[in-house]
N, C-alpha and C. Protein backbone atom coordinates (compact mmCIF):
# COMPACT_ATOMS: atom_id res chain seq x y z
N MET A 1 78.79 155.08 74.25
CA MET A 1 79.46 155.73 75.36
C MET A 1 80.41 154.72 75.99
N GLU A 2 81.68 155.05 76.08
CA GLU A 2 82.68 154.15 76.66
C GLU A 2 82.73 154.32 78.18
N GLN A 3 83.46 153.40 78.85
CA GLN A 3 83.49 153.42 80.31
C GLN A 3 83.98 154.75 80.86
N THR A 4 84.97 155.39 80.24
CA THR A 4 85.43 156.67 80.76
C THR A 4 84.30 157.69 80.75
N GLU A 5 83.43 157.63 79.75
CA GLU A 5 82.28 158.52 79.71
C GLU A 5 81.21 158.10 80.71
N VAL A 6 81.07 156.80 80.95
CA VAL A 6 80.10 156.29 81.92
C VAL A 6 80.38 156.87 83.30
N LEU A 7 81.64 157.06 83.64
CA LEU A 7 82.01 157.56 84.96
C LEU A 7 81.46 158.96 85.23
N ALA A 8 81.07 159.70 84.20
CA ALA A 8 80.46 161.01 84.39
C ALA A 8 79.02 160.89 84.90
N TYR A 9 78.42 159.71 84.76
CA TYR A 9 77.01 159.54 85.11
C TYR A 9 76.77 158.74 86.38
N ILE A 10 77.81 158.13 86.94
CA ILE A 10 77.65 157.33 88.16
C ILE A 10 78.65 157.78 89.21
N PRO A 11 78.31 157.64 90.48
CA PRO A 11 79.26 158.05 91.53
C PRO A 11 80.34 157.00 91.81
N GLN A 12 80.15 155.77 91.39
CA GLN A 12 81.12 154.70 91.66
C GLN A 12 82.40 154.91 90.85
N ARG A 13 83.48 154.36 91.38
CA ARG A 13 84.78 154.43 90.70
C ARG A 13 85.41 153.04 90.74
N PRO A 14 86.31 152.76 89.77
CA PRO A 14 86.99 151.46 89.76
C PRO A 14 87.66 151.20 91.10
N PRO A 15 87.65 150.00 91.58
CA PRO A 15 87.22 148.76 90.90
C PRO A 15 85.75 148.43 91.11
N PHE A 16 84.95 149.38 91.58
CA PHE A 16 83.56 149.12 91.91
C PHE A 16 82.60 149.53 90.80
N VAL A 17 83.05 149.51 89.57
CA VAL A 17 82.20 149.86 88.43
C VAL A 17 81.70 148.57 87.78
N MET A 18 80.39 148.47 87.59
CA MET A 18 79.77 147.26 87.05
C MET A 18 79.08 147.50 85.70
N ILE A 19 79.38 148.63 85.04
CA ILE A 19 78.85 148.86 83.69
C ILE A 19 80.00 149.39 82.82
N ASP A 20 79.98 148.99 81.57
CA ASP A 20 81.00 149.42 80.61
C ASP A 20 80.50 150.52 79.69
N ALA A 21 79.24 150.45 79.30
CA ALA A 21 78.71 151.40 78.33
C ALA A 21 77.23 151.63 78.57
N VAL A 22 76.79 152.85 78.30
CA VAL A 22 75.36 153.17 78.30
C VAL A 22 74.91 153.06 76.86
N LEU A 23 73.98 152.15 76.62
CA LEU A 23 73.49 151.89 75.27
C LEU A 23 72.30 152.76 74.91
N HIS A 24 71.50 153.13 75.93
CA HIS A 24 70.31 153.94 75.73
C HIS A 24 69.96 154.61 77.05
N ALA A 25 69.50 155.85 76.98
CA ALA A 25 69.02 156.54 78.19
C ALA A 25 67.99 157.57 77.79
N ASP A 26 66.84 157.53 78.45
CA ASP A 26 65.83 158.57 78.31
C ASP A 26 65.08 158.68 79.63
N GLU A 27 63.96 159.34 79.64
CA GLU A 27 63.23 159.59 80.89
C GLU A 27 62.71 158.31 81.55
N GLN A 28 62.41 157.29 80.78
CA GLN A 28 61.79 156.08 81.32
C GLN A 28 62.67 154.86 81.32
N LEU A 29 63.71 154.84 80.49
CA LEU A 29 64.46 153.61 80.28
C LEU A 29 65.95 153.90 80.15
N VAL A 30 66.75 153.03 80.76
CA VAL A 30 68.20 153.07 80.57
C VAL A 30 68.67 151.64 80.34
N ARG A 31 69.62 151.49 79.40
CA ARG A 31 70.15 150.17 79.06
C ARG A 31 71.67 150.28 79.03
N THR A 32 72.34 149.34 79.70
CA THR A 32 73.80 149.32 79.76
C THR A 32 74.32 147.94 79.37
N SER A 33 75.63 147.90 79.12
CA SER A 33 76.27 146.60 78.91
C SER A 33 77.48 146.49 79.83
N PHE A 34 77.86 145.25 80.09
CA PHE A 34 79.00 144.96 80.95
C PHE A 34 79.59 143.63 80.54
N THR A 35 80.92 143.59 80.38
CA THR A 35 81.62 142.35 80.10
C THR A 35 82.23 141.84 81.39
N VAL A 36 81.92 140.61 81.74
CA VAL A 36 82.43 139.99 82.96
C VAL A 36 83.89 139.62 82.75
N HIS A 37 84.76 140.17 83.60
CA HIS A 37 86.20 139.93 83.48
C HIS A 37 86.73 139.12 84.65
N GLU A 38 87.65 138.23 84.35
CA GLU A 38 88.35 137.48 85.40
C GLU A 38 89.05 138.48 86.31
N GLY A 39 89.02 138.23 87.60
CA GLY A 39 89.66 139.11 88.56
C GLY A 39 88.80 140.26 89.03
N HIS A 40 87.59 140.40 88.47
CA HIS A 40 86.68 141.46 88.92
C HIS A 40 86.29 141.21 90.36
N LEU A 41 86.00 142.27 91.07
CA LEU A 41 85.63 142.24 92.48
C LEU A 41 84.52 141.22 92.78
N PHE A 42 83.53 141.09 91.89
CA PHE A 42 82.40 140.20 92.13
C PHE A 42 82.43 138.94 91.25
N VAL A 43 83.60 138.52 90.82
CA VAL A 43 83.73 137.26 90.11
C VAL A 43 84.34 136.24 91.07
N ALA A 44 83.69 135.09 91.17
CA ALA A 44 84.19 133.99 92.00
C ALA A 44 83.92 132.69 91.25
N ASP A 45 84.88 131.81 91.27
CA ASP A 45 84.74 130.50 90.60
C ASP A 45 84.29 130.63 89.15
N GLY A 46 84.79 131.68 88.48
CA GLY A 46 84.53 131.84 87.06
C GLY A 46 83.19 132.43 86.67
N VAL A 47 82.41 132.93 87.65
CA VAL A 47 81.10 133.53 87.35
C VAL A 47 80.93 134.86 88.09
N PHE A 48 80.08 135.70 87.52
CA PHE A 48 79.70 136.98 88.13
C PHE A 48 78.64 136.67 89.18
N THR A 49 78.92 136.99 90.43
CA THR A 49 78.09 136.55 91.55
C THR A 49 76.84 137.43 91.76
N GLU A 50 75.97 136.95 92.64
CA GLU A 50 74.70 137.61 92.92
C GLU A 50 74.86 139.07 93.34
N PRO A 51 75.77 139.41 94.28
CA PRO A 51 75.92 140.83 94.63
C PRO A 51 76.32 141.69 93.44
N GLY A 52 77.11 141.15 92.54
CA GLY A 52 77.50 141.88 91.35
C GLY A 52 76.31 142.15 90.43
N LEU A 53 75.42 141.17 90.31
CA LEU A 53 74.23 141.36 89.49
C LEU A 53 73.33 142.46 90.06
N VAL A 54 73.14 142.45 91.37
CA VAL A 54 72.32 143.48 92.01
C VAL A 54 72.97 144.84 91.83
N GLU A 55 74.28 144.93 92.05
CA GLU A 55 74.98 146.20 91.90
C GLU A 55 74.96 146.67 90.45
N ASN A 56 75.05 145.75 89.51
CA ASN A 56 74.96 146.11 88.09
C ASN A 56 73.62 146.77 87.79
N MET A 57 72.53 146.22 88.32
CA MET A 57 71.21 146.84 88.11
C MET A 57 71.15 148.21 88.78
N ALA A 58 71.69 148.32 89.99
CA ALA A 58 71.68 149.60 90.70
C ALA A 58 72.50 150.65 89.94
N GLN A 59 73.65 150.26 89.42
CA GLN A 59 74.48 151.22 88.68
C GLN A 59 73.84 151.61 87.35
N THR A 60 73.09 150.70 86.76
CA THR A 60 72.37 151.05 85.54
C THR A 60 71.31 152.10 85.86
N ALA A 61 70.60 151.93 86.97
CA ALA A 61 69.64 152.96 87.40
C ALA A 61 70.35 154.28 87.67
N ALA A 62 71.51 154.21 88.32
CA ALA A 62 72.29 155.42 88.61
C ALA A 62 72.71 156.11 87.32
N ALA A 63 73.09 155.34 86.31
CA ALA A 63 73.48 155.93 85.03
C ALA A 63 72.31 156.68 84.41
N GLY A 64 71.11 156.16 84.60
CA GLY A 64 69.92 156.84 84.07
C GLY A 64 69.66 158.15 84.77
N THR A 65 69.72 158.16 86.09
CA THR A 65 69.48 159.41 86.82
C THR A 65 70.64 160.39 86.60
N GLY A 66 71.85 159.85 86.49
CA GLY A 66 73.01 160.70 86.21
C GLY A 66 72.93 161.34 84.83
N TYR A 67 72.48 160.57 83.85
CA TYR A 67 72.31 161.08 82.50
C TYR A 67 71.30 162.24 82.50
N ARG A 68 70.17 162.03 83.15
CA ARG A 68 69.14 163.08 83.20
C ARG A 68 69.65 164.32 83.93
N ALA A 69 70.39 164.12 85.02
CA ALA A 69 70.94 165.26 85.77
C ALA A 69 71.92 166.05 84.89
N ARG A 70 72.78 165.35 84.18
CA ARG A 70 73.77 166.02 83.32
C ARG A 70 73.08 166.79 82.19
N GLN A 71 71.95 166.29 81.71
CA GLN A 71 71.20 167.01 80.68
C GLN A 71 70.68 168.34 81.20
N GLU A 72 70.47 168.40 82.53
CA GLU A 72 69.99 169.63 83.18
C GLU A 72 71.15 170.47 83.73
N GLY A 73 72.39 170.05 83.44
CA GLY A 73 73.55 170.79 83.92
C GLY A 73 73.87 170.58 85.38
N LYS A 74 73.38 169.51 85.96
CA LYS A 74 73.59 169.20 87.38
C LYS A 74 74.54 168.01 87.50
N PRO A 75 75.19 167.87 88.66
CA PRO A 75 76.04 166.69 88.86
C PRO A 75 75.19 165.42 89.04
N ALA A 76 75.80 164.29 88.75
CA ALA A 76 75.11 163.01 88.94
C ALA A 76 74.81 162.81 90.42
N PRO A 77 73.57 162.50 90.78
CA PRO A 77 73.23 162.32 92.19
C PRO A 77 73.73 161.00 92.75
N VAL A 78 73.89 160.96 94.06
CA VAL A 78 74.25 159.73 94.76
C VAL A 78 72.94 159.09 95.23
N GLY A 79 72.79 157.79 94.99
CA GLY A 79 71.59 157.09 95.39
C GLY A 79 71.91 155.90 96.28
N PHE A 80 70.90 155.45 97.01
CA PHE A 80 71.03 154.32 97.92
C PHE A 80 69.87 153.37 97.69
N ILE A 81 70.16 152.08 97.67
CA ILE A 81 69.10 151.08 97.54
C ILE A 81 68.36 151.04 98.87
N GLY A 82 67.05 151.29 98.81
CA GLY A 82 66.23 151.25 100.01
C GLY A 82 65.57 149.90 100.21
N ALA A 83 65.26 149.22 99.11
CA ALA A 83 64.60 147.92 99.21
C ALA A 83 64.71 147.20 97.88
N LEU A 84 64.74 145.87 97.95
CA LEU A 84 64.67 145.00 96.79
C LEU A 84 63.40 144.18 96.91
N LYS A 85 62.75 143.94 95.80
CA LYS A 85 61.52 143.16 95.81
C LYS A 85 61.56 142.19 94.64
N ASN A 86 61.13 140.98 94.88
CA ASN A 86 61.02 139.96 93.83
C ASN A 86 62.33 139.72 93.09
N LEU A 87 63.42 139.63 93.83
CA LEU A 87 64.71 139.34 93.21
C LEU A 87 64.70 137.90 92.71
N ARG A 88 65.00 137.76 91.41
CA ARG A 88 65.08 136.43 90.80
C ARG A 88 66.39 136.34 90.05
N ILE A 89 67.18 135.34 90.40
CA ILE A 89 68.44 135.11 89.70
C ILE A 89 68.34 133.73 89.04
N HIS A 90 68.36 133.73 87.74
CA HIS A 90 68.17 132.51 86.96
C HIS A 90 69.49 131.81 86.64
N MET A 91 70.56 132.60 86.55
CA MET A 91 71.86 132.04 86.22
C MET A 91 72.94 133.05 86.58
N LEU A 92 74.17 132.59 86.67
CA LEU A 92 75.31 133.47 86.94
C LEU A 92 76.16 133.52 85.67
N PRO A 93 76.36 134.71 85.09
CA PRO A 93 77.12 134.83 83.85
C PRO A 93 78.58 134.44 84.04
N PRO A 94 79.13 133.67 83.11
CA PRO A 94 80.54 133.27 83.21
C PRO A 94 81.47 134.40 82.77
N VAL A 95 82.72 134.27 83.16
CA VAL A 95 83.75 135.20 82.71
C VAL A 95 83.72 135.23 81.18
N GLY A 96 83.81 136.42 80.62
CA GLY A 96 83.77 136.60 79.17
C GLY A 96 82.40 136.94 78.64
N ALA A 97 81.36 136.71 79.43
CA ALA A 97 79.99 136.99 78.98
C ALA A 97 79.75 138.50 78.94
N VAL A 98 78.92 138.92 78.00
CA VAL A 98 78.44 140.30 77.94
C VAL A 98 76.99 140.29 78.39
N ILE A 99 76.70 141.07 79.43
CA ILE A 99 75.32 141.17 79.91
C ILE A 99 74.78 142.55 79.54
N VAL A 100 73.49 142.60 79.26
CA VAL A 100 72.80 143.84 78.96
C VAL A 100 71.72 144.02 80.02
N THR A 101 71.75 145.17 80.65
CA THR A 101 70.85 145.45 81.76
C THR A 101 69.92 146.58 81.38
N GLU A 102 68.64 146.39 81.69
CA GLU A 102 67.63 147.38 81.36
C GLU A 102 66.89 147.77 82.63
N ILE A 103 66.77 149.06 82.85
CA ILE A 103 66.04 149.59 84.00
C ILE A 103 64.90 150.44 83.47
N VAL A 104 63.70 150.18 83.97
CA VAL A 104 62.52 150.98 83.65
C VAL A 104 62.14 151.74 84.91
N PHE A 105 62.05 153.07 84.78
CA PHE A 105 61.64 153.90 85.91
C PHE A 105 60.11 153.89 85.97
N LEU A 106 59.58 153.30 87.05
CA LEU A 106 58.14 153.11 87.17
C LEU A 106 57.44 154.29 87.83
N GLN A 107 58.08 154.84 88.88
CA GLN A 107 57.41 155.87 89.66
C GLN A 107 58.44 156.66 90.44
N GLN A 108 58.15 157.96 90.66
CA GLN A 108 59.01 158.79 91.48
C GLN A 108 58.15 159.60 92.43
N VAL A 109 58.53 159.57 93.71
CA VAL A 109 57.90 160.40 94.72
C VAL A 109 59.03 161.11 95.46
N LEU A 110 59.11 162.42 95.27
CA LEU A 110 60.20 163.22 95.83
C LEU A 110 61.54 162.62 95.41
N GLN A 111 62.36 162.20 96.36
CA GLN A 111 63.68 161.66 96.05
C GLN A 111 63.69 160.13 95.95
N ALA A 112 62.53 159.51 96.01
CA ALA A 112 62.44 158.05 95.95
C ALA A 112 61.99 157.62 94.55
N HIS A 113 62.70 156.65 94.00
CA HIS A 113 62.37 156.10 92.68
C HIS A 113 62.06 154.62 92.82
N LEU A 114 61.01 154.19 92.16
CA LEU A 114 60.69 152.77 92.05
C LEU A 114 61.07 152.37 90.63
N VAL A 115 61.96 151.37 90.53
CA VAL A 115 62.44 150.93 89.22
C VAL A 115 62.34 149.42 89.11
N GLN A 116 62.27 148.96 87.87
CA GLN A 116 62.27 147.54 87.58
C GLN A 116 63.49 147.24 86.74
N GLY A 117 64.26 146.23 87.14
CA GLY A 117 65.48 145.89 86.44
C GLY A 117 65.44 144.49 85.87
N LYS A 118 66.16 144.32 84.75
CA LYS A 118 66.26 143.01 84.13
C LYS A 118 67.63 142.92 83.47
N ILE A 119 68.30 141.79 83.67
CA ILE A 119 69.59 141.53 83.04
C ILE A 119 69.41 140.35 82.08
N ARG A 120 69.99 140.52 80.88
CA ARG A 120 69.95 139.46 79.88
C ARG A 120 71.36 139.16 79.40
N MET A 121 71.57 137.94 79.01
CA MET A 121 72.81 137.51 78.37
C MET A 121 72.36 136.85 77.07
N GLY A 122 72.49 137.58 75.98
CA GLY A 122 71.91 137.10 74.73
C GLY A 122 70.40 137.06 74.89
N GLU A 123 69.81 135.91 74.58
CA GLU A 123 68.36 135.75 74.71
C GLU A 123 67.93 135.26 76.09
N LYS A 124 68.90 134.93 76.95
CA LYS A 124 68.59 134.35 78.26
C LYS A 124 68.44 135.44 79.31
N GLU A 125 67.38 135.32 80.13
CA GLU A 125 67.23 136.22 81.27
C GLU A 125 68.13 135.73 82.39
N VAL A 126 68.94 136.63 82.89
CA VAL A 126 69.89 136.32 83.97
C VAL A 126 69.27 136.61 85.33
N ALA A 127 68.70 137.81 85.49
CA ALA A 127 68.16 138.22 86.78
C ALA A 127 67.15 139.34 86.57
N SER A 128 66.29 139.53 87.60
CA SER A 128 65.34 140.64 87.58
C SER A 128 64.94 140.98 89.01
N CYS A 129 64.48 142.21 89.20
CA CYS A 129 63.95 142.63 90.50
C CYS A 129 63.37 144.03 90.39
N GLU A 130 62.72 144.45 91.46
CA GLU A 130 62.28 145.84 91.62
C GLU A 130 63.11 146.45 92.73
N PHE A 131 63.43 147.73 92.58
CA PHE A 131 64.21 148.47 93.58
C PHE A 131 63.44 149.69 94.03
N LYS A 132 63.68 150.09 95.24
CA LYS A 132 63.38 151.45 95.69
C LYS A 132 64.73 152.08 95.88
N ILE A 133 64.94 153.17 95.18
CA ILE A 133 66.22 153.88 95.26
C ILE A 133 65.94 155.29 95.78
N PHE A 134 66.72 155.69 96.76
CA PHE A 134 66.58 157.02 97.34
C PHE A 134 67.77 157.85 96.93
N LEU A 135 67.49 159.02 96.35
CA LEU A 135 68.57 159.92 95.93
C LEU A 135 68.89 160.91 97.03
N GLN A 136 70.17 161.14 97.23
CA GLN A 136 70.63 162.08 98.23
C GLN A 136 70.42 163.49 97.69
N ASP A 137 69.95 164.40 98.56
CA ASP A 137 69.80 165.79 98.16
C ASP A 137 71.15 166.37 97.79
N GLN A 138 71.16 167.18 96.74
CA GLN A 138 72.42 167.79 96.28
C GLN A 138 72.77 168.99 97.13
C-alpha cells in the first residue's frame, strides 16, 4: 500500500504524515514503514526526533483502526492519545533510514484502545511504549 492509499486509513494529511506504507493489518496487529526525509517536520540535526517517533506509533495505530473501519464500510475514525506509558527511546533514526513500526492491540473498552508499539530500524529497536487511544464517536 503506497502513501496515497495510506491516507484513506488515517485522518492526518501532509506534512503531518509519519507513515509511508501499511505492510500488514489485521484485528490484532498493524505494521507500517516510514523513510526519514531531510526537511520533514520532525527532523532536526539530521535525525527523526522523539515527537516524530511517538506520532509515528500513533499513526500506525490509526492506520490499523482505519483499515478495520474501511473493511466495515465506515470512515476512518479520529483518535486522540490519552496516555503514554513506559516510553523508551533507544536511538534517533538518521535521515535516509527506513523504520518499521508495529502496533499490537491489547485491549478495547468502548472507544478506548490499549496498544503496545515498537519501532525498529533493521535489527535495532528504536523506541517502544504503550498508549491509551480514545476514538471519537462517528
